[in-house]
C-alpha cells in the first residue's frame, strides 16, 4: 500500500522502511512515497491524513491541492517553530475556515479546550513551551465541524 505523503518528501519516490510493534513483535513495512493528490484525484475518499516525514511537512503540504477533512503533523520545538507556522499559513490558504488544535501527548487529549482559527493558533504556537506537539487541522469538509 502506498504511503499517503507527497513525493517531494522523499527524492525520486525512493522506497522507505518503517518498523512498528505488532503484538510484541516487529513488522517491517516497505512503503513508497506517493502524491496524496493522486488519491484525491482518483475520487478516493480520504478522511484523515497523518503526516510523519521528519521535517518535510511543509514539502508535503505544498503538494496538497484540496483540503481533506482532518490532517495532523508534528512540530518539534523550538527548532521547527518557523516551519510549523508556515504549515499553518499554507493550510489557511488551502481552506480559510479550517480550525486548529494540538496535543503534547495524545494520551492526555488536546491541549486547547476549543479549536482555533489559523491566526489565533499561530499566535499560540509562537509561545508553546512543549518540546514537541502534534498539530491537528479540521475543515468544513469534515464531520462535526464546530
N, C-alpha and C. Protein backbone atom coordinates (compact mmCIF):
# COMPACT_ATOMS: atom_id res chain seq x y z
N UNK A 1 0.85 -1.18 0.00
CA UNK A 1 0.00 0.00 0.00
C UNK A 1 0.89 1.23 0.00
N UNK A 2 0.56 2.21 -0.79
CA UNK A 2 1.37 3.42 -0.90
C UNK A 2 1.18 4.30 0.31
N UNK A 3 2.23 4.99 0.69
CA UNK A 3 2.19 5.96 1.76
C UNK A 3 1.53 7.22 1.24
N UNK A 4 0.62 7.83 1.97
CA UNK A 4 -0.12 9.00 1.52
C UNK A 4 0.64 10.29 1.76
N UNK A 5 1.90 10.36 1.40
CA UNK A 5 2.63 11.61 1.52
C UNK A 5 3.08 12.05 0.15
N UNK A 6 3.41 13.31 0.03
CA UNK A 6 3.81 13.86 -1.25
C UNK A 6 5.16 13.31 -1.65
N UNK A 7 5.34 13.05 -2.91
CA UNK A 7 6.61 12.51 -3.41
C UNK A 7 7.76 13.45 -3.13
N UNK A 8 7.49 14.73 -2.94
CA UNK A 8 8.55 15.68 -2.66
C UNK A 8 9.21 15.40 -1.32
N UNK A 9 8.55 14.64 -0.45
CA UNK A 9 9.11 14.35 0.85
C UNK A 9 10.26 13.36 0.78
N UNK A 10 10.35 12.61 -0.27
CA UNK A 10 11.44 11.66 -0.45
C UNK A 10 11.88 11.74 -1.91
N UNK A 11 13.17 11.97 -2.14
CA UNK A 11 13.63 12.14 -3.51
C UNK A 11 13.34 10.94 -4.40
N UNK A 12 12.89 11.21 -5.61
CA UNK A 12 12.70 10.19 -6.65
C UNK A 12 11.81 9.02 -6.23
N UNK A 13 10.85 9.26 -5.37
CA UNK A 13 9.92 8.21 -4.95
C UNK A 13 10.63 6.98 -4.38
N UNK A 14 11.72 7.18 -3.66
CA UNK A 14 12.51 6.09 -3.11
C UNK A 14 11.69 5.34 -2.07
N UNK A 15 11.81 4.01 -2.06
CA UNK A 15 11.12 3.20 -1.06
C UNK A 15 11.76 3.44 0.30
N UNK A 16 10.93 3.42 1.32
CA UNK A 16 11.45 3.61 2.67
C UNK A 16 11.06 2.41 3.51
N UNK A 17 11.72 2.24 4.64
CA UNK A 17 11.40 1.15 5.55
C UNK A 17 10.94 1.72 6.87
N UNK A 18 9.91 1.14 7.41
CA UNK A 18 9.41 1.53 8.72
C UNK A 18 9.26 0.28 9.55
N UNK A 19 9.55 0.39 10.83
CA UNK A 19 9.36 -0.74 11.73
C UNK A 19 8.37 -0.34 12.80
N UNK A 20 7.44 -1.19 13.10
CA UNK A 20 6.47 -0.90 14.15
C UNK A 20 6.24 -2.15 14.97
N UNK A 21 5.79 -1.94 16.17
CA UNK A 21 5.49 -3.05 17.05
C UNK A 21 4.12 -3.63 16.70
N UNK A 22 4.04 -4.92 16.65
CA UNK A 22 2.79 -5.59 16.35
C UNK A 22 2.64 -6.76 17.31
N UNK A 23 1.88 -6.54 18.37
CA UNK A 23 1.67 -7.58 19.39
C UNK A 23 2.99 -8.10 19.95
N UNK A 24 3.88 -7.17 20.26
CA UNK A 24 5.14 -7.54 20.88
C UNK A 24 6.26 -7.82 19.91
N UNK A 25 5.95 -8.01 18.65
CA UNK A 25 6.99 -8.28 17.66
C UNK A 25 7.19 -7.08 16.74
N UNK A 26 8.13 -7.18 15.89
CA UNK A 26 8.39 -6.12 14.92
C UNK A 26 7.94 -6.56 13.54
N UNK A 27 7.37 -5.63 12.82
CA UNK A 27 6.95 -5.88 11.46
C UNK A 27 7.66 -4.87 10.58
N UNK A 28 8.30 -5.33 9.55
CA UNK A 28 8.99 -4.42 8.64
C UNK A 28 8.07 -4.11 7.48
N UNK A 29 7.84 -2.83 7.27
CA UNK A 29 6.96 -2.39 6.20
C UNK A 29 7.78 -1.68 5.14
N UNK A 30 7.51 -1.96 3.90
CA UNK A 30 8.12 -1.22 2.81
C UNK A 30 7.04 -0.35 2.20
N UNK A 31 7.30 0.94 2.16
CA UNK A 31 6.32 1.86 1.59
C UNK A 31 6.98 2.68 0.50
N UNK A 32 6.18 3.20 -0.37
CA UNK A 32 6.67 4.04 -1.45
C UNK A 32 6.04 5.40 -1.29
N UNK A 33 6.86 6.43 -1.36
CA UNK A 33 6.32 7.79 -1.30
C UNK A 33 5.46 8.02 -2.53
N UNK A 34 4.34 8.64 -2.33
CA UNK A 34 3.41 8.87 -3.42
C UNK A 34 2.72 10.20 -3.19
N UNK A 35 2.17 10.76 -4.23
CA UNK A 35 1.48 12.04 -4.09
C UNK A 35 0.06 11.82 -3.59
N UNK A 36 -0.29 12.55 -2.52
CA UNK A 36 -1.63 12.48 -1.99
C UNK A 36 -2.64 12.92 -3.04
N UNK A 37 -2.27 13.91 -3.84
CA UNK A 37 -3.19 14.41 -4.86
C UNK A 37 -3.62 13.31 -5.82
N UNK A 38 -2.78 12.29 -6.01
CA UNK A 38 -3.13 11.16 -6.87
C UNK A 38 -4.36 10.44 -6.34
N UNK A 39 -4.44 10.27 -5.02
CA UNK A 39 -5.56 9.57 -4.42
C UNK A 39 -6.81 10.43 -4.42
N UNK A 40 -6.64 11.71 -4.17
CA UNK A 40 -7.78 12.62 -4.17
C UNK A 40 -8.33 12.75 -5.59
N UNK A 41 -7.45 12.86 -6.57
CA UNK A 41 -7.86 13.00 -7.96
C UNK A 41 -8.62 11.77 -8.43
N UNK A 42 -8.26 10.60 -7.93
CA UNK A 42 -8.93 9.36 -8.31
C UNK A 42 -10.22 9.14 -7.54
N UNK A 43 -10.74 10.19 -6.91
CA UNK A 43 -12.03 10.15 -6.22
C UNK A 43 -12.05 9.23 -5.00
N UNK A 44 -10.90 8.83 -4.51
CA UNK A 44 -10.89 8.02 -3.30
C UNK A 44 -11.19 8.92 -2.11
N UNK A 45 -12.06 8.46 -1.23
CA UNK A 45 -12.44 9.25 -0.06
C UNK A 45 -11.33 9.16 0.98
N UNK A 46 -10.81 10.30 1.36
CA UNK A 46 -9.77 10.37 2.38
C UNK A 46 -10.31 11.23 3.51
N UNK A 47 -10.40 10.67 4.71
CA UNK A 47 -10.92 11.40 5.86
C UNK A 47 -9.82 12.00 6.71
N UNK A 48 -8.69 11.31 6.82
CA UNK A 48 -7.61 11.75 7.70
C UNK A 48 -6.27 11.55 7.02
N UNK A 49 -5.43 12.56 7.10
CA UNK A 49 -4.05 12.46 6.62
C UNK A 49 -3.15 12.72 7.81
N UNK A 50 -2.28 11.75 8.13
CA UNK A 50 -1.28 11.89 9.19
C UNK A 50 0.06 12.02 8.49
N UNK A 51 0.68 13.17 8.66
CA UNK A 51 1.97 13.42 8.01
C UNK A 51 3.06 13.18 9.05
N UNK A 52 3.98 12.28 8.75
CA UNK A 52 5.11 11.98 9.63
C UNK A 52 6.33 11.79 8.75
N UNK A 53 6.93 12.90 8.39
CA UNK A 53 8.04 12.87 7.43
C UNK A 53 9.28 13.59 7.96
N UNK A 54 9.38 13.66 9.27
CA UNK A 54 10.58 14.16 9.94
C UNK A 54 11.17 15.43 9.33
N UNK A 55 10.42 16.51 9.40
CA UNK A 55 10.93 17.80 8.95
C UNK A 55 10.53 18.20 7.54
N UNK A 56 9.86 17.33 6.81
CA UNK A 56 9.46 17.65 5.43
C UNK A 56 7.96 17.95 5.32
N UNK A 57 7.33 18.28 6.45
CA UNK A 57 5.90 18.53 6.46
C UNK A 57 5.50 19.63 5.46
N UNK A 58 6.26 20.70 5.43
CA UNK A 58 5.94 21.80 4.53
C UNK A 58 5.99 21.35 3.07
N UNK A 59 6.95 20.51 2.73
CA UNK A 59 7.03 19.98 1.36
C UNK A 59 5.79 19.17 1.02
N UNK A 60 5.34 18.37 1.95
CA UNK A 60 4.14 17.55 1.72
C UNK A 60 2.93 18.45 1.53
N UNK A 61 2.77 19.42 2.41
CA UNK A 61 1.61 20.30 2.34
C UNK A 61 1.59 21.14 1.07
N UNK A 62 2.75 21.49 0.57
CA UNK A 62 2.81 22.25 -0.69
C UNK A 62 2.23 21.44 -1.85
N UNK A 63 2.24 20.13 -1.74
CA UNK A 63 1.70 19.28 -2.78
C UNK A 63 0.18 19.11 -2.71
N UNK A 64 -0.43 19.57 -1.62
CA UNK A 64 -1.89 19.44 -1.49
C UNK A 64 -2.58 20.50 -2.33
N UNK A 65 -3.56 20.06 -3.09
CA UNK A 65 -4.31 20.99 -3.93
C UNK A 65 -5.72 21.22 -3.40
N UNK A 66 -6.20 20.30 -2.57
CA UNK A 66 -7.53 20.42 -1.98
C UNK A 66 -7.46 20.01 -0.52
N UNK A 67 -8.32 20.60 0.31
CA UNK A 67 -8.33 20.21 1.72
C UNK A 67 -8.92 18.82 1.93
N UNK A 68 -8.55 18.21 3.02
CA UNK A 68 -9.13 16.95 3.47
C UNK A 68 -9.84 17.25 4.80
N UNK A 69 -10.75 16.39 5.24
CA UNK A 69 -11.49 16.68 6.47
C UNK A 69 -10.61 16.86 7.70
N UNK A 70 -9.62 15.98 7.88
CA UNK A 70 -8.75 16.04 9.05
C UNK A 70 -7.31 15.77 8.64
N UNK A 71 -6.39 16.49 9.28
CA UNK A 71 -4.97 16.35 8.97
C UNK A 71 -4.18 16.57 10.25
N UNK A 72 -3.07 15.86 10.41
CA UNK A 72 -2.20 16.11 11.56
C UNK A 72 -0.74 16.01 11.14
N UNK A 73 0.09 16.79 11.85
CA UNK A 73 1.53 16.76 11.64
C UNK A 73 2.23 17.18 12.92
N UNK A 74 3.47 16.74 13.07
CA UNK A 74 4.25 17.02 14.26
C UNK A 74 5.11 18.26 14.05
N UNK A 75 5.27 19.05 15.13
CA UNK A 75 6.20 20.19 15.12
C UNK A 75 7.12 20.03 16.31
N UNK A 76 8.41 19.89 16.06
CA UNK A 76 9.41 19.82 17.12
C UNK A 76 9.87 21.24 17.43
N UNK A 77 9.76 21.60 18.71
CA UNK A 77 10.03 22.97 19.14
C UNK A 77 11.26 23.03 20.03
N UNK A 78 11.95 24.12 19.98
CA UNK A 78 11.70 25.32 19.18
C UNK A 78 12.30 25.26 17.77
N UNK A 79 13.05 24.20 17.46
CA UNK A 79 13.80 24.13 16.21
C UNK A 79 12.95 24.34 14.96
N UNK A 80 11.75 23.79 14.92
CA UNK A 80 10.92 23.85 13.72
C UNK A 80 9.67 24.71 13.89
N UNK A 81 9.72 25.64 14.83
CA UNK A 81 8.57 26.53 15.06
C UNK A 81 8.24 27.32 13.78
N UNK A 82 9.27 27.86 13.13
CA UNK A 82 9.05 28.66 11.91
C UNK A 82 8.36 27.82 10.83
N UNK A 83 8.84 26.57 10.65
CA UNK A 83 8.22 25.69 9.65
C UNK A 83 6.79 25.36 10.03
N UNK A 84 6.53 25.15 11.33
CA UNK A 84 5.18 24.88 11.80
C UNK A 84 4.25 26.04 11.49
N UNK A 85 4.74 27.26 11.70
CA UNK A 85 3.94 28.45 11.39
C UNK A 85 3.67 28.56 9.89
N UNK A 86 4.66 28.19 9.08
CA UNK A 86 4.45 28.20 7.63
C UNK A 86 3.43 27.15 7.21
N UNK A 87 3.42 26.01 7.89
CA UNK A 87 2.42 24.97 7.60
C UNK A 87 1.02 25.49 7.89
N UNK A 88 0.86 26.17 9.01
CA UNK A 88 -0.45 26.74 9.36
C UNK A 88 -0.87 27.76 8.31
N UNK A 89 0.07 28.60 7.90
CA UNK A 89 -0.21 29.61 6.88
C UNK A 89 -0.63 28.97 5.56
N UNK A 90 0.07 27.92 5.16
CA UNK A 90 -0.26 27.23 3.92
C UNK A 90 -1.64 26.58 4.00
N UNK A 91 -1.95 25.97 5.13
CA UNK A 91 -3.26 25.35 5.30
C UNK A 91 -4.37 26.40 5.30
N UNK A 92 -4.08 27.56 5.83
CA UNK A 92 -5.08 28.65 5.80
C UNK A 92 -5.39 29.05 4.36
N UNK A 93 -4.37 29.10 3.51
CA UNK A 93 -4.60 29.44 2.10
C UNK A 93 -5.41 28.35 1.40
N UNK A 94 -5.23 27.10 1.83
CA UNK A 94 -5.95 25.99 1.24
C UNK A 94 -7.42 25.99 1.66
N UNK A 95 -7.68 26.33 2.91
CA UNK A 95 -9.05 26.36 3.45
C UNK A 95 -9.10 27.40 4.58
N UNK A 96 -9.56 28.59 4.26
CA UNK A 96 -9.54 29.70 5.22
C UNK A 96 -10.39 29.46 6.46
N UNK A 97 -11.38 28.58 6.38
CA UNK A 97 -12.24 28.29 7.52
C UNK A 97 -11.76 27.10 8.35
N UNK A 98 -10.59 26.56 8.03
CA UNK A 98 -10.05 25.44 8.79
C UNK A 98 -9.76 25.85 10.24
N UNK A 99 -9.84 24.90 11.14
CA UNK A 99 -9.60 25.13 12.58
C UNK A 99 -8.46 24.24 13.05
N UNK A 100 -7.73 24.72 14.06
CA UNK A 100 -6.54 24.04 14.56
C UNK A 100 -6.66 23.73 16.05
N UNK A 101 -5.98 22.66 16.44
CA UNK A 101 -5.79 22.29 17.83
C UNK A 101 -4.47 21.54 17.90
N UNK A 102 -4.05 21.13 19.09
CA UNK A 102 -2.78 20.41 19.21
C UNK A 102 -2.77 19.57 20.47
N UNK A 103 -1.79 18.69 20.53
CA UNK A 103 -1.61 17.82 21.69
C UNK A 103 -0.12 17.64 21.93
N UNK A 104 0.26 17.61 23.19
CA UNK A 104 1.64 17.28 23.53
C UNK A 104 1.79 15.76 23.63
N UNK A 105 0.85 15.16 24.29
CA UNK A 105 0.83 13.72 24.48
C UNK A 105 -0.59 13.27 24.15
N UNK A 106 -0.73 12.48 23.13
CA UNK A 106 -2.06 12.09 22.67
C UNK A 106 -2.87 11.36 23.74
N UNK A 107 -2.21 10.73 24.68
CA UNK A 107 -2.93 10.03 25.74
C UNK A 107 -3.65 10.99 26.67
N UNK A 108 -3.20 12.27 26.67
CA UNK A 108 -3.81 13.27 27.55
C UNK A 108 -4.79 14.17 26.81
N UNK A 109 -5.05 13.89 25.56
CA UNK A 109 -6.02 14.66 24.80
C UNK A 109 -5.46 15.96 24.26
N UNK A 110 -6.35 16.78 23.76
CA UNK A 110 -5.96 18.04 23.14
C UNK A 110 -5.55 19.06 24.20
N UNK A 111 -4.59 19.92 23.85
CA UNK A 111 -4.13 20.96 24.77
C UNK A 111 -5.15 22.09 24.91
N UNK A 112 -5.84 22.40 23.85
CA UNK A 112 -6.76 23.54 23.85
C UNK A 112 -8.19 23.08 24.06
N UNK A 113 -8.97 23.86 24.79
CA UNK A 113 -10.36 23.49 25.04
C UNK A 113 -11.28 23.84 23.88
N UNK A 114 -10.77 24.54 22.87
CA UNK A 114 -11.55 24.84 21.67
C UNK A 114 -10.62 24.90 20.46
N UNK A 115 -11.19 24.70 19.29
CA UNK A 115 -10.44 24.76 18.04
C UNK A 115 -10.28 26.22 17.64
N UNK A 116 -9.08 26.59 17.18
CA UNK A 116 -8.76 27.98 16.86
C UNK A 116 -8.64 28.20 15.36
N UNK A 117 -8.93 29.41 14.95
CA UNK A 117 -8.67 29.81 13.57
C UNK A 117 -7.16 29.90 13.36
N UNK A 118 -6.72 29.98 12.11
CA UNK A 118 -5.29 29.95 11.81
C UNK A 118 -4.48 31.07 12.46
N UNK A 119 -4.99 32.27 12.48
CA UNK A 119 -4.21 33.39 13.05
C UNK A 119 -4.08 33.25 14.56
N UNK A 120 -5.17 32.89 15.21
CA UNK A 120 -5.13 32.72 16.66
C UNK A 120 -4.24 31.53 17.03
N UNK A 121 -4.30 30.46 16.24
CA UNK A 121 -3.46 29.30 16.51
C UNK A 121 -1.98 29.66 16.32
N UNK A 122 -1.67 30.42 15.28
CA UNK A 122 -0.28 30.83 15.04
C UNK A 122 0.26 31.65 16.21
N UNK A 123 -0.56 32.54 16.76
CA UNK A 123 -0.14 33.33 17.92
C UNK A 123 0.14 32.42 19.10
N UNK A 124 -0.70 31.41 19.30
CA UNK A 124 -0.49 30.46 20.39
C UNK A 124 0.79 29.65 20.15
N UNK A 125 1.01 29.23 18.89
CA UNK A 125 2.18 28.42 18.55
C UNK A 125 3.48 29.18 18.81
N UNK A 126 3.45 30.48 18.67
CA UNK A 126 4.64 31.31 18.95
C UNK A 126 5.11 31.15 20.39
N UNK A 127 4.21 30.78 21.31
CA UNK A 127 4.53 30.76 22.74
C UNK A 127 4.50 29.37 23.37
N UNK A 128 4.34 28.33 22.58
CA UNK A 128 4.28 26.97 23.11
C UNK A 128 5.63 26.60 23.74
N UNK A 129 5.58 26.05 24.95
CA UNK A 129 6.79 25.67 25.69
C UNK A 129 7.15 24.19 25.53
N UNK A 130 6.19 23.36 25.10
CA UNK A 130 6.45 21.93 24.94
C UNK A 130 7.56 21.72 23.89
N UNK A 131 8.24 20.58 23.99
CA UNK A 131 9.32 20.27 23.05
C UNK A 131 8.79 19.78 21.71
N UNK A 132 7.61 19.20 21.73
CA UNK A 132 7.03 18.65 20.51
C UNK A 132 5.51 18.63 20.66
N UNK A 133 4.82 19.02 19.59
CA UNK A 133 3.36 18.94 19.61
C UNK A 133 2.88 18.32 18.30
N UNK A 134 1.73 17.70 18.38
CA UNK A 134 1.04 17.21 17.20
C UNK A 134 -0.03 18.25 16.89
N UNK A 135 0.01 18.80 15.68
CA UNK A 135 -0.96 19.80 15.26
C UNK A 135 -2.08 19.09 14.51
N UNK A 136 -3.32 19.45 14.83
CA UNK A 136 -4.48 18.91 14.16
C UNK A 136 -5.20 20.03 13.43
N UNK A 137 -5.66 19.72 12.22
CA UNK A 137 -6.39 20.68 11.38
C UNK A 137 -7.66 20.00 10.91
N UNK A 138 -8.77 20.69 11.06
CA UNK A 138 -10.03 20.15 10.53
C UNK A 138 -10.68 21.22 9.67
N UNK A 139 -11.40 20.76 8.67
CA UNK A 139 -12.03 21.67 7.73
C UNK A 139 -13.53 21.47 7.71
N UNK A 140 -14.21 22.33 7.00
CA UNK A 140 -15.66 22.19 6.88
C UNK A 140 -16.01 20.95 6.07
N UNK A 141 -15.01 20.30 5.50
CA UNK A 141 -15.23 19.06 4.75
C UNK A 141 -15.33 17.87 5.69
N UNK A 142 -15.04 18.11 6.98
CA UNK A 142 -15.05 17.02 7.95
C UNK A 142 -16.35 16.95 8.73
N UNK A 143 -16.56 15.84 9.40
CA UNK A 143 -17.74 15.66 10.23
C UNK A 143 -17.55 16.40 11.55
N UNK A 144 -18.60 16.90 12.10
CA UNK A 144 -18.54 17.52 13.42
C UNK A 144 -17.78 18.83 13.46
N UNK A 145 -17.75 19.57 12.39
CA UNK A 145 -17.04 20.84 12.36
C UNK A 145 -17.81 21.87 13.16
N UNK A 146 -17.17 22.37 14.21
CA UNK A 146 -17.80 23.39 15.06
C UNK A 146 -16.80 24.44 15.41
